[in-house]
Amino acid sequence: MDTLFEMFDVAMPPEATNEEKALAFHAANPKVYEELRRLALTLYYRGHKHFGAKLLTEQLRWMWMERTSDMSGYKINNNFVATYARLLMKQEPELQGVFNLRQVHESKAFLVRKKAG
């Protein structure tokens, strides 16, 4: 059965950034984006113009727990939430500005990569 709840892990090198890992996960699991999009547009068209991407991710986790007896947990890394928020706002015109985002500074990303390497 091909469902949202059949997700695939993606092996990534440890030095990969959170965004690189999130985009690889997204490519392997396009149904996650589709469901996040559905949830976000549902809220938007019901009049909610500002809400958190974390709320949407937690809703997916709720749905997973509600529909399965698997105790391993729903496998969307919390580090992927910001990438999904940016992706939703980039690809869905209605959702532009719905999520608050923090700036990612290249200097900070460099320090993280340098520590890992």
PDB file of N, CA and C in Angstrom:
ATOM      1  N   MET A   1       0.846  -1.190   0.000  1.00  0.00           N
ATOM      2  CA  MET A   1       0.000   0.000   0.000  1.00  0.00           C
ATOM      3  C   MET A   1       0.885   1.245   0.000  1.00  0.00           C
ATOM      4  N   ASP A   2       0.666   2.114  -0.927  1.00  0.00           N
ATOM      5  CA  ASP A   2       1.473   3.320  -1.075  1.00  0.00           C
ATOM      6  C   ASP A   2       0.804   4.458  -0.308  1.00  0.00           C
ATOM      7  N   THR A   3       1.326   4.790   0.865  1.00  0.00           N
ATOM      8  CA  THR A   3       0.709   5.822   1.693  1.00  0.00           C
ATOM      9  C   THR A   3       1.751   6.837   2.133  1.00  0.00           C
ATOM     10  N   LEU A   4       1.278   7.896   2.715  1.00  0.00           N
ATOM     11  CA  LEU A   4       2.152   8.911   3.292  1.00  0.00           C
ATOM     12  C   LEU A   4       3.057   8.310   4.349  1.00  0.00           C
ATOM     13  N   PHE A   5       2.587   7.296   5.021  1.00  0.00           N
ATOM     14  CA  PHE A   5       3.297   6.778   6.176  1.00  0.00           C
ATOM     15  C   PHE A   5       4.349   5.733   5.831  1.00  0.00           C
ATOM     16  N   GLU A   6       4.601   5.519   4.559  1.00  0.00           N
ATOM     17  CA  GLU A   6       5.723   4.702   4.129  1.00  0.00           C
ATOM     18  C   GLU A   6       6.795   5.673   3.650  1.00  0.00           C
ATOM     19  N   MET A   7       7.730   5.962   4.536  1.00  0.00           N
ATOM     20  CA  MET A   7       8.777   6.926   4.203  1.00  0.00           C
ATOM     21  C   MET A   7      10.113   6.226   4.102  1.00  0.00           C
ATOM     22  N   PHE A   8      11.016   6.856   3.371  1.00  0.00           N
ATOM     23  CA  PHE A   8      12.324   6.283   3.122  1.00  0.00           C
ATOM     24  C   PHE A   8      13.398   7.147   3.754  1.00  0.00           C
ATOM     25  N   ASP A   9      14.309   6.506   4.489  1.00  0.00           N
ATOM     26  CA  ASP A   9      15.466   7.209   5.033  1.00  0.00           C
ATOM     27  C   ASP A   9      16.451   7.473   3.906  1.00  0.00           C
ATOM     28  N   VAL A  10      17.229   8.521   4.076  1.00  0.00           N
ATOM     29  CA  VAL A  10      18.223   8.893   3.071  1.00  0.00           C
ATOM     30  C   VAL A  10      19.571   8.977   3.766  1.00  0.00           C
ATOM     31  N   ALA A  11      20.524   8.223   3.277  1.00  0.00           N
ATOM     32  CA  ALA A  11      21.878   8.276   3.835  1.00  0.00           C
ATOM     33  C   ALA A  11      22.575   9.527   3.324  1.00  0.00           C
ATOM     34  N   MET A  12      23.097  10.299   4.246  1.00  0.00           N
ATOM     35  CA  MET A  12      23.801  11.534   3.900  1.00  0.00           C
ATOM     36  C   MET A  12      25.103  11.583   4.687  1.00  0.00           C
ATOM     37  N   PRO A  13      26.137  12.206   4.124  1.00  0.00           N
ATOM     38  CA  PRO A  13      27.386  12.346   4.876  1.00  0.00           C
ATOM     39  C   PRO A  13      27.176  13.252   6.092  1.00  0.00           C
ATOM     40  N   PRO A  14      27.904  13.002   7.156  1.00  0.00           N
ATOM     41  CA  PRO A  14      27.720  13.801   8.382  1.00  0.00           C
ATOM     42  C   PRO A  14      27.959  15.297   8.182  1.00  0.00           C
ATOM     43  N   GLU A  15      28.787  15.661   7.211  1.00  0.00           N
ATOM     44  CA  GLU A  15      29.080  17.089   7.000  1.00  0.00           C
ATOM     45  C   GLU A  15      27.989  17.803   6.203  1.00  0.00           C
ATOM     46  N   ALA A  16      26.981  17.078   5.722  1.00  0.00           N
ATOM     47  CA  ALA A  16      25.875  17.709   4.987  1.00  0.00           C
ATOM     48  C   ALA A  16      25.119  18.655   5.917  1.00  0.00           C
ATOM     49  N   THR A  17      24.681  19.766   5.359  1.00  0.00           N
ATOM     50  CA  THR A  17      23.912  20.730   6.151  1.00  0.00           C
ATOM     51  C   THR A  17      22.506  20.188   6.392  1.00  0.00           C
ATOM     52  N   ASN A  18      21.801  20.789   7.344  1.00  0.00           N
ATOM     53  CA  ASN A  18      20.408  20.405   7.592  1.00  0.00           C
ATOM     54  C   ASN A  18      19.564  20.587   6.335  1.00  0.00           C
ATOM     55  N   GLU A  19      19.822  21.665   5.599  1.00  0.00           N
ATOM     56  CA  GLU A  19      19.060  21.907   4.379  1.00  0.00           C
ATOM     57  C   GLU A  19      19.331  20.830   3.330  1.00  0.00           C
ATOM     58  N   GLU A  20      20.595  20.451   3.175  1.00  0.00           N
ATOM     59  CA  GLU A  20      20.922  19.388   2.217  1.00  0.00           C
ATOM     60  C   GLU A  20      20.252  18.074   2.603  1.00  0.00           C
ATOM     61  N   LYS A  21      20.259  17.767   3.888  1.00  0.00           N
ATOM     62  CA  LYS A  21      19.606  16.544   4.370  1.00  0.00           C
ATOM     63  C   LYS A  21      18.096  16.621   4.149  1.00  0.00           C
ATOM     64  N   ALA A  22      17.525  17.785   4.433  1.00  0.00           N
ATOM     65  CA  ALA A  22      16.074  17.963   4.268  1.00  0.00           C
ATOM     66  C   ALA A  22      15.666  17.835   2.805  1.00  0.00           C
ATOM     67  N   LEU A  23      16.444  18.426   1.911  1.00  0.00           N
ATOM     68  CA  LEU A  23      16.107  18.355   0.486  1.00  0.00           C
ATOM     69  C   LEU A  23      16.254  16.934  -0.056  1.00  0.00           C
ATOM     70  N   ALA A  24      17.229  16.184   0.451  1.00  0.00           N
ATOM     71  CA  ALA A  24      17.372  14.778   0.053  1.00  0.00           C
ATOM     72  C   ALA A  24      16.180  13.967   0.570  1.00  0.00           C
ATOM     73  N   PHE A  25      15.755  14.232   1.811  1.00  0.00           N
ATOM     74  CA  PHE A  25      14.587  13.566   2.369  1.00  0.00           C
ATOM     75  C   PHE A  25      13.350  13.914   1.548  1.00  0.00           C
ATOM     76  N   HIS A  26      13.207  15.180   1.201  1.00  0.00           N
ATOM     77  CA  HIS A  26      12.074  15.650   0.400  1.00  0.00           C
ATOM     78  C   HIS A  26      12.026  14.940  -0.956  1.00  0.00           C
ATOM     79  N   ALA A  27      13.164  14.807  -1.602  1.00  0.00           N
ATOM     80  CA  ALA A  27      13.218  14.135  -2.908  1.00  0.00           C
ATOM     81  C   ALA A  27      12.799  12.668  -2.796  1.00  0.00           C
ATOM     82  N   ALA A  28      13.152  12.030  -1.687  1.00  0.00           N
ATOM     83  CA  ALA A  28      12.821  10.615  -1.492  1.00  0.00           C
ATOM     84  C   ALA A  28      11.399  10.412  -0.981  1.00  0.00           C
ATOM     85  N   ASN A  29      10.797  11.465  -0.427  1.00  0.00           N
ATOM     86  CA  ASN A  29       9.486  11.355   0.211  1.00  0.00           C
ATOM     87  C   ASN A  29       8.569  12.509  -0.199  1.00  0.00           C
ATOM     88  N   PRO A  30       8.223  12.624  -1.474  1.00  0.00           N
ATOM     89  CA  PRO A  30       7.433  13.771  -1.932  1.00  0.00           C
ATOM     90  C   PRO A  30       6.040  13.856  -1.296  1.00  0.00           C
ATOM     91  N   LYS A  31       5.515  12.761  -0.784  1.00  0.00           N
ATOM     92  CA  LYS A  31       4.185  12.797  -0.177  1.00  0.00           C
ATOM     93  C   LYS A  31       4.165  13.606   1.117  1.00  0.00           C
ATOM     94  N   VAL A  32       5.309  13.720   1.766  1.00  0.00           N
ATOM     95  CA  VAL A  32       5.377  14.546   2.982  1.00  0.00           C
ATOM     96  C   VAL A  32       5.083  15.998   2.616  1.00  0.00           C
ATOM     97  N   TYR A  33       5.731  16.499   1.559  1.00  0.00           N
ATOM     98  CA  TYR A  33       5.475  17.870   1.106  1.00  0.00           C
ATOM     99  C   TYR A  33       4.006  18.032   0.714  1.00  0.00           C
ATOM    100  N   GLU A  34       3.482  17.078  -0.030  1.00  0.00           N
ATOM    101  CA  GLU A  34       2.086  17.160  -0.468  1.00  0.00           C
ATOM    102  C   GLU A  34       1.138  17.280   0.724  1.00  0.00           C
ATOM    103  N   GLU A  35       1.404  16.521   1.769  1.00  0.00           N
ATOM    104  CA  GLU A  35       0.527  16.573   2.942  1.00  0.00           C
ATOM    105  C   GLU A  35       0.728  17.871   3.722  1.00  0.00           C
ATOM    106  N   LEU A  36       1.956  18.326   3.861  1.00  0.00           N
ATOM    107  CA  LEU A  36       2.202  19.618   4.517  1.00  0.00           C
ATOM    108  C   LEU A  36       1.513  20.738   3.738  1.00  0.00           C
ATOM    109  N   ARG A  37       1.581  20.678   2.421  1.00  0.00           N
ATOM    110  CA  ARG A  37       0.921  21.658   1.552  1.00  0.00           C
ATOM    111  C   ARG A  37      -0.592  21.637   1.781  1.00  0.00           C
ATOM    112  N   ARG A  38      -1.163  20.436   1.808  1.00  0.00           N
ATOM    113  CA  ARG A  38      -2.609  20.303   2.023  1.00  0.00           C
ATOM    114  C   ARG A  38      -3.022  20.901   3.363  1.00  0.00           C
ATOM    115  N   LEU A  39      -2.276  20.585   4.413  1.00  0.00           N
ATOM    116  CA  LEU A  39      -2.595  21.113   5.740  1.00  0.00           C
ATOM    117  C   LEU A  39      -2.463  22.638   5.779  1.00  0.00           C
ATOM    118  N   ALA A  40      -1.370  23.156   5.200  1.00  0.00           N
ATOM    119  CA  ALA A  40      -1.134  24.607   5.216  1.00  0.00           C
ATOM    120  C   ALA A  40      -2.208  25.349   4.432  1.00  0.00           C
ATOM    121  N   LEU A  41      -2.558  24.862   3.251  1.00  0.00           N
ATOM    122  CA  LEU A  41      -3.578  25.538   2.447  1.00  0.00           C
ATOM    123  C   LEU A  41      -4.964  25.433   3.090  1.00  0.00           C
ATOM    124  N   THR A  42      -5.220  24.340   3.781  1.00  0.00           N
ATOM    125  CA  THR A  42      -6.489  24.214   4.513  1.00  0.00           C
ATOM    126  C   THR A  42      -6.605  25.323   5.548  1.00  0.00           C
ATOM    127  N   LEU A  43      -5.545  25.512   6.328  1.00  0.00           N
ATOM    128  CA  LEU A  43      -5.574  26.583   7.335  1.00  0.00           C
ATOM    129  C   LEU A  43      -5.671  27.953   6.681  1.00  0.00           C
ATOM    130  N   TYR A  44      -4.888  28.149   5.631  1.00  0.00           N
ATOM    131  CA  TYR A  44      -4.882  29.442   4.944  1.00  0.00           C
ATOM    132  C   TYR A  44      -6.276  29.796   4.425  1.00  0.00           C
ATOM    133  N   TYR A  45      -6.917  28.874   3.760  1.00  0.00           N
ATOM    134  CA  TYR A  45      -8.236  29.159   3.172  1.00  0.00           C
ATOM    135  C   TYR A  45      -9.350  29.203   4.212  1.00  0.00           C
ATOM    136  N   ARG A  46      -9.049  28.794   5.430  1.00  0.00           N
ATOM    137  CA  ARG A  46     -10.012  28.963   6.530  1.00  0.00           C
ATOM    138  C   ARG A  46      -9.777  30.271   7.264  1.00  0.00           C
ATOM    139  N   GLY A  47      -8.860  31.077   6.742  1.00  0.00           N
ATOM    140  CA  GLY A  47      -8.659  32.412   7.286  1.00  0.00           C
ATOM    141  C   GLY A  47      -7.429  32.604   8.137  1.00  0.00           C
ATOM    142  N   HIS A  48      -6.679  31.573   8.383  1.00  0.00           N
ATOM    143  CA  HIS A  48      -5.454  31.684   9.188  1.00  0.00           C
ATOM    144  C   HIS A  48      -4.320  32.132   8.285  1.00  0.00           C
ATOM    145  N   LYS A  49      -3.807  33.309   8.518  1.00  0.00           N
ATOM    146  CA  LYS A  49      -2.771  33.878   7.655  1.00  0.00           C
ATOM    147  C   LYS A  49      -1.376  33.788   8.261  1.00  0.00           C
ATOM    148  N   HIS A  50      -1.282  33.256   9.474  1.00  0.00           N
ATOM    149  CA  HIS A  50       0.016  33.128  10.129  1.00  0.00           C
ATOM    150  C   HIS A  50      -0.044  31.933  11.085  1.00  0.00           C
ATOM    151  N   PHE A  51       0.822  30.952  10.853  1.00  0.00           N
ATOM    152  CA  PHE A  51       0.894  29.779  11.728  1.00  0.00           C
ATOM    153  C   PHE A  51       2.258  29.135  11.555  1.00  0.00           C
ATOM    154  N   GLY A  52       2.571  28.189  12.410  1.00  0.00           N
ATOM    155  CA  GLY A  52       3.897  27.590  12.406  1.00  0.00           C
ATOM    156  C   GLY A  52       3.998  26.320  11.585  1.00  0.00           C
ATOM    157  N   ALA A  53       5.141  26.164  10.937  1.00  0.00           N
ATOM    158  CA  ALA A  53       5.406  24.932  10.192  1.00  0.00           C
ATOM    159  C   ALA A  53       5.533  23.755  11.148  1.00  0.00           C
ATOM    160  N   LYS A  54       5.976  24.012  12.356  1.00  0.00           N
ATOM    161  CA  LYS A  54       6.079  22.952  13.370  1.00  0.00           C
ATOM    162  C   LYS A  54       4.694  22.387  13.689  1.00  0.00           C
ATOM    163  N   LEU A  55       3.678  23.238  13.701  1.00  0.00           N
ATOM    164  CA  LEU A  55       2.293  22.801  13.909  1.00  0.00           C
ATOM    165  C   LEU A  55       1.900  21.764  12.860  1.00  0.00           C
ATOM    166  N   LEU A  56       2.261  22.028  11.609  1.00  0.00           N
ATOM    167  CA  LEU A  56       1.917  21.117  10.514  1.00  0.00           C
ATOM    168  C   LEU A  56       2.640  19.779  10.674  1.00  0.00           C
ATOM    169  N   THR A  57       3.905  19.843  11.053  1.00  0.00           N
ATOM    170  CA  THR A  57       4.690  18.623  11.249  1.00  0.00           C
ATOM    171  C   THR A  57       4.118  17.791  12.391  1.00  0.00           C
ATOM    172  N   GLU A  58       3.743  18.457  13.461  1.00  0.00           N
ATOM    173  CA  GLU A  58       3.154  17.732  14.595  1.00  0.00           C
ATOM    174  C   GLU A  58       1.805  17.118  14.217  1.00  0.00           C
ATOM    175  N   GLN A  59       1.065  17.782  13.341  1.00  0.00           N
ATOM    176  CA  GLN A  59      -0.199  17.213  12.859  1.00  0.00           C
ATOM    177  C   GLN A  59       0.067  15.924  12.079  1.00  0.00           C
ATOM    178  N   LEU A  60       1.108  15.904  11.263  1.00  0.00           N
ATOM    179  CA  LEU A  60       1.471  14.672  10.555  1.00  0.00           C
ATOM    180  C   LEU A  60       1.815  13.561  11.540  1.00  0.00           C
ATOM    181  N   ARG A  61       2.541  13.923  12.584  1.00  0.00           N
ATOM    182  CA  ARG A  61       2.888  12.924  13.604  1.00  0.00           C
ATOM    183  C   ARG A  61       1.638  12.392  14.297  1.00  0.00           C
ATOM    184  N   TRP A  62       0.703  13.282  14.590  1.00  0.00           N
ATOM    185  CA  TRP A  62      -0.574  12.877  15.196  1.00  0.00           C
ATOM    186  C   TRP A  62      -1.302  11.888  14.275  1.00  0.00           C
ATOM    187  N   MET A  63      -1.382  12.232  13.017  1.00  0.00           N
ATOM    188  CA  MET A  63      -2.071  11.366  12.058  1.00  0.00           C
ATOM    189  C   MET A  63      -1.410   9.993  11.997  1.00  0.00           C
ATOM    190  N   TRP A  64      -0.088   9.969  12.039  1.00  0.00           N
ATOM    191  CA  TRP A  64       0.646   8.712  12.007  1.00  0.00           C
ATOM    192  C   TRP A  64       0.293   7.861  13.223  1.00  0.00           C
ATOM    193  N   MET A  65       0.318   8.472  14.417  1.00  0.00           N
ATOM    194  CA  MET A  65       0.013   7.731  15.641  1.00  0.00           C
ATOM    195  C   MET A  65      -1.434   7.247  15.658  1.00  0.00           C
ATOM    196  N   GLU A  66      -2.310   8.052  15.113  1.00  0.00           N
ATOM    197  CA  GLU A  66      -3.727   7.734  15.076  1.00  0.00           C
ATOM    198  C   GLU A  66      -4.010   6.534  14.156  1.00  0.00           C
ATOM    199  N   ARG A  67      -3.221   6.381  13.122  1.00  0.00           N
ATOM    200  CA  ARG A  67      -3.502   5.365  12.095  1.00  0.00           C
ATOM    201  C   ARG A  67      -2.626   4.129  12.150  1.00  0.00           C
ATOM    202  N   THR A  68      -1.633   4.107  13.041  1.00  0.00           N
ATOM    203  CA  THR A  68      -0.749   2.947  13.097  1.00  0.00           C
ATOM    204  C   THR A  68      -0.571   2.488  14.536  1.00  0.00           C
ATOM    205  N   SER A  69      -0.032   1.296  14.690  1.00  0.00           N
ATOM    206  CA  SER A  69       0.337   0.815  16.027  1.00  0.00           C
ATOM    207  C   SER A  69       1.856   0.718  16.147  1.00  0.00           C
ATOM    208  N   ASP A  70       2.570   1.234  15.160  1.00  0.00           N
ATOM    209  CA  ASP A  70       4.028   1.247  15.153  1.00  0.00           C
ATOM    210  C   ASP A  70       4.512   2.227  16.217  1.00  0.00           C
ATOM    211  N   MET A  71       5.350   1.765  17.125  1.00  0.00           N
ATOM    212  CA  MET A  71       5.829   2.612  18.226  1.00  0.00           C
ATOM    213  C   MET A  71       7.158   3.299  17.934  1.00  0.00           C
ATOM    214  N   SER A  72       7.658   3.179  16.718  1.00  0.00           N
ATOM    215  CA  SER A  72       8.973   3.744  16.404  1.00  0.00           C
ATOM    216  C   SER A  72       8.949   5.254  16.207  1.00  0.00           C
ATOM    217  N   GLY A  73       7.799   5.834  15.996  1.00  0.00           N
ATOM    218  CA  GLY A  73       7.704   7.282  15.816  1.00  0.00           C
ATOM    219  C   GLY A  73       7.709   7.687  14.364  1.00  0.00           C
ATOM    220  N   TYR A  74       7.142   8.845  14.090  1.00  0.00           N
ATOM    221  CA  TYR A  74       7.044   9.354  12.724  1.00  0.00           C
ATOM    222  C   TYR A  74       8.350  10.031  12.377  1.00  0.00           C
ATOM    223  N   LYS A  75       8.956   9.666  11.294  1.00  0.00           N
ATOM    224  CA  LYS A  75      10.341  10.004  10.990  1.00  0.00           C
ATOM    225  C   LYS A  75      10.539  11.281  10.182  1.00  0.00           C
ATOM    226  N   ILE A  76      10.046  12.381  10.664  1.00  0.00           N
ATOM    227  CA  ILE A  76      10.402  13.667  10.060  1.00  0.00           C
ATOM    228  C   ILE A  76      11.288  14.379  11.071  1.00  0.00           C
ATOM    229  N   ASN A  77      12.515  14.584  10.701  1.00  0.00           N
ATOM    230  CA  ASN A  77      13.477  15.221  11.583  1.00  0.00           C
ATOM    231  C   ASN A  77      13.050  16.669  11.841  1.00  0.00           C
ATOM    232  N   ASN A  78      13.108  17.089  13.101  1.00  0.00           N
ATOM    233  CA  ASN A  78      12.754  18.475  13.440  1.00  0.00           C
ATOM    234  C   ASN A  78      13.629  19.480  12.689  1.00  0.00           C
ATOM    235  N   ASN A  79      14.847  19.082  12.340  1.00  0.00           N
ATOM    236  CA  ASN A  79      15.745  19.974  11.605  1.00  0.00           C
ATOM    237  C   ASN A  79      15.267  20.245  10.184  1.00  0.00           C
ATOM    238  N   PHE A  80      14.284  19.491   9.697  1.00  0.00           N
ATOM    239  CA  PHE A  80      13.774  19.663   8.340  1.00  0.00           C
ATOM    240  C   PHE A  80      12.618  20.669   8.266  1.00  0.00           C
ATOM    241  N   VAL A  81      12.055  21.040   9.398  1.00  0.00           N
ATOM    242  CA  VAL A  81      10.857  21.881   9.416  1.00  0.00           C
ATOM    243  C   VAL A  81      11.097  23.222   8.730  1.00  0.00           C
ATOM    244  N   ALA A  82      12.218  23.868   9.010  1.00  0.00           N
ATOM    245  CA  ALA A  82      12.503  25.179   8.404  1.00  0.00           C
ATOM    246  C   ALA A  82      12.631  25.078   6.888  1.00  0.00           C
ATOM    247  N   THR A  83      13.252  24.014   6.407  1.00  0.00           N
ATOM    248  CA  THR A  83      13.390  23.832   4.954  1.00  0.00           C
ATOM    249  C   THR A  83      12.026  23.638   4.319  1.00  0.00           C
ATOM    250  N   TYR A  84      11.170  22.850   4.953  1.00  0.00           N
ATOM    251  CA  TYR A  84       9.824  22.665   4.417  1.00  0.00           C
ATOM    252  C   TYR A  84       9.041  23.981   4.430  1.00  0.00           C
ATOM    253  N   ALA A  85       9.208  24.797   5.470  1.00  0.00           N
ATOM    254  CA  ALA A  85       8.523  26.096   5.517  1.00  0.00           C
ATOM    255  C   ALA A  85       8.976  26.979   4.360  1.00  0.00           C
ATOM    256  N   ARG A  86      10.276  27.032   4.120  1.00  0.00           N
ATOM    257  CA  ARG A  86      10.803  27.838   3.011  1.00  0.00           C
ATOM    258  C   ARG A  86      10.322  27.306   1.661  1.00  0.00           C
ATOM    259  N   LEU A  87      10.301  25.998   1.525  1.00  0.00           N
ATOM    260  CA  LEU A  87       9.846  25.368   0.287  1.00  0.00           C
ATOM    261  C   LEU A  87       8.373  25.669   0.026  1.00  0.00           C
ATOM    262  N   LEU A  88       7.551  25.563   1.059  1.00  0.00           N
ATOM    263  CA  LEU A  88       6.117  25.855   0.912  1.00  0.00           C
ATOM    264  C   LEU A  88       5.893  27.302   0.487  1.00  0.00           C
ATOM    265  N   MET A  89       6.615  28.232   1.121  1.00  0.00           N
ATOM    266  CA  MET A  89       6.412  29.640   0.778  1.00  0.00           C
ATOM    267  C   MET A  89       6.959  29.971  -0.612  1.00  0.00           C
ATOM    268  N   LYS A  90       7.966  29.251  -1.036  1.00  0.00           N
ATOM    269  CA  LYS A  90       8.535  29.484  -2.363  1.00  0.00           C
ATOM    270  C   LYS A  90       7.628  28.925  -3.466  1.00  0.00           C
ATOM    271  N   GLN A  91       7.049  27.759  -3.229  1.00  0.00           N
ATOM    272  CA  GLN A  91       6.299  27.068  -4.275  1.00  0.00           C
ATOM    273  C   GLN A  91       4.796  27.348  -4.260  1.00  0.00           C
ATOM    274  N   GLU A  92       4.279  27.865  -3.158  1.00  0.00           N
ATOM    275  CA  GLU A  92       2.839  28.123  -3.048  1.00  0.00           C
ATOM    276  C   GLU A  92       2.625  29.616  -2.808  1.00  0.00           C
ATOM    277  N   PRO A  93       2.226  30.362  -3.832  1.00  0.00           N
ATOM    278  CA  PRO A  93       2.097  31.821  -3.696  1.00  0.00           C
ATOM    279  C   PRO A  93       1.222  32.256  -2.521  1.00  0.00           C
ATOM    280  N   GLU A  94       0.171  31.524  -2.239  1.00  0.00           N
ATOM    281  CA  GLU A  94      -0.729  31.903  -1.133  1.00  0.00           C
ATOM    282  C   GLU A  94      -0.008  31.863   0.209  1.00  0.00           C
ATOM    283  N   LEU A  95       0.991  31.027   0.335  1.00  0.00           N
ATOM    284  CA  LEU A  95       1.644  30.807   1.628  1.00  0.00           C
ATOM    285  C   LEU A  95       2.834  31.733   1.880  1.00  0.00           C
ATOM    286  N   GLN A  96       3.136  32.621   0.939  1.00  0.00           N
ATOM    287  CA  GLN A  96       4.252  33.548   1.151  1.00  0.00           C
ATOM    288  C   GLN A  96       3.967  34.400   2.375  1.00  0.00           C
ATOM    289  N   GLY A  97       4.915  34.404   3.311  1.00  0.00           N
ATOM    290  CA  GLY A  97       4.783  35.212   4.515  1.00  0.00           C
ATOM    291  C   GLY A  97       3.983  34.579   5.635  1.00  0.00           C
ATOM    292  N   VAL A  98       3.489  33.378   5.449  1.00  0.00           N
ATOM    293  CA  VAL A  98       2.690  32.706   6.480  1.00  0.00           C
ATOM    294  C   VAL A  98       3.560  32.287   7.664  1.00  0.00           C
ATOM    295  N   PHE A  99       4.781  31.852   7.386  1.00  0.00           N
ATOM    296  CA  PHE A  99       5.682  31.371   8.434  1.00  0.00           C
ATOM    297  C   PHE A  99       6.726  32.423   8.769  1.00  0.00           C
ATOM    298  N   ASN A 100       7.079  32.538  10.048  1.00  0.00           N
ATOM    299  CA  ASN A 100       8.218  33.350  10.460  1.00  0.00           C
ATOM    300  C   ASN A 100       9.473  32.518  10.272  1.00  0.00           C
ATOM    301  N   LEU A 101      10.498  33.094   9.680  1.00  0.00           N
ATOM    302  CA  LEU A 101      11.745  32.384   9.450  1.00  0.00           C
ATOM    303  C   LEU A 101      12.901  33.146  10.060  1.00  0.00           C
ATOM    304  N   ARG A 102      13.873  32.409  10.530  1.00  0.00           N
ATOM    305  CA  ARG A 102      15.114  33.018  11.001  1.00  0.00           C
ATOM    306  C   ARG A 102      16.090  33.072   9.847  1.00  0.00           C
ATOM    307  N   GLN A 103      16.974  34.044   9.907  1.00  0.00           N
ATOM    308  CA  GLN A 103      18.009  34.162   8.883  1.00  0.00           C
ATOM    309  C   GLN A 103      19.071  33.089   9.116  1.00  0.00           C
ATOM    310  N   VAL A 104      19.549  32.483   8.066  1.00  0.00           N
ATOM    311  CA  VAL A 104      20.678  31.560   8.137  1.00  0.00           C
ATOM    312  C   VAL A 104      21.875  32.315   7.606  1.00  0.00           C
ATOM    313  N   HIS A 105      22.854  32.505   8.460  1.00  0.00           N
ATOM    314  CA  HIS A 105      24.040  33.266   8.063  1.00  0.00           C
ATOM    315  C   HIS A 105      25.105  32.306   7.554  1.00  0.00           C
ATOM    316  N   GLU A 106      25.700  32.647   6.428  1.00  0.00           N
ATOM    317  CA  GLU A 106      26.739  31.802   5.842  1.00  0.00           C
ATOM    318  C   GLU A 106      27.890  31.587   6.811  1.00  0.00           C
ATOM    319  N   SER A 107      28.244  32.612   7.582  1.00  0.00           N
ATOM    320  CA  SER A 107      29.371  32.461   8.505  1.00  0.00           C
ATOM    321  C   SER A 107      29.062  31.389   9.537  1.00  0.00           C
ATOM    322  N   LYS A 108      27.828  31.334  10.001  1.00  0.00           N
ATOM    323  CA  LYS A 108      27.432  30.325  10.980  1.00  0.00           C
ATOM    324  C   LYS A 108      27.423  28.940  10.327  1.00  0.00           C
ATOM    325  N   ALA A 109      26.927  28.843   9.121  1.00  0.00           N
ATOM    326  CA  ALA A 109      26.917  27.573   8.397  1.00  0.00           C
ATOM    327  C   ALA A 109      28.346  27.087   8.189  1.00  0.00           C
ATOM    328  N   PHE A 110      29.249  28.011   7.900  1.00  0.00           N
ATOM    329  CA  PHE A 110      30.654  27.649   7.716  1.00  0.00           C
ATOM    330  C   PHE A 110      31.236  27.074   9.003  1.00  0.00           C
ATOM    331  N   LEU A 111      30.925  27.710  10.145  1.00  0.00           N
ATOM    332  CA  LEU A 111      31.439  27.224  11.428  1.00  0.00           C
ATOM    333  C   LEU A 111      30.919  25.834  11.731  1.00  0.00           C
ATOM    334  N   VAL A 112      29.672  25.577  11.430  1.00  0.00           N
ATOM    335  CA  VAL A 112      29.101  24.256  11.668  1.00  0.00           C
ATOM    336  C   VAL A 112      29.816  23.226  10.805  1.00  0.00           C
ATOM    337  N   ARG A 113      30.045  23.540   9.531  1.00  0.00           N
ATOM    338  CA  ARG A 113      30.745  22.617   8.636  1.00  0.00           C
ATOM    339  C   ARG A 113      32.187  22.393   9.102  1.00  0.00           C
ATOM    340  N   LYS A 114      32.831  23.482   9.552  1.00  0.00           N
ATOM    341  CA  LYS A 114      34.218  23.385   9.981  1.00  0.00           C
ATOM    342  C   LYS A 114      34.340  22.477  11.214  1.00  0.00           C
ATOM    343  N   LYS A 115      33.410  22.617  12.171  1.00  0.00           N
ATOM    344  CA  LYS A 115      33.418  21.769  13.352  1.00  0.00           C
ATOM    345  C   LYS A 115      33.236  20.298  12.981  1.00  0.00           C
ATOM    346  N   ALA A 116      32.329  20.046  12.036  1.00  0.00           N
ATOM    347  CA  ALA A 116      32.029  18.676  11.625  1.00  0.00           C
ATOM    348  C   ALA A 116      33.225  18.043  10.904  1.00  0.00           C
ATOM    349  N   GLY A 117      34.018  18.847  10.231  1.00  0.00           N
ATOM    350  CA  GLY A 117      35.109  18.332   9.396  1.00  0.00           C
ATOM    351  C   GLY A 117      36.378  18.209  10.090  1.00  0.00           C
TER     352      GLY A 117
END
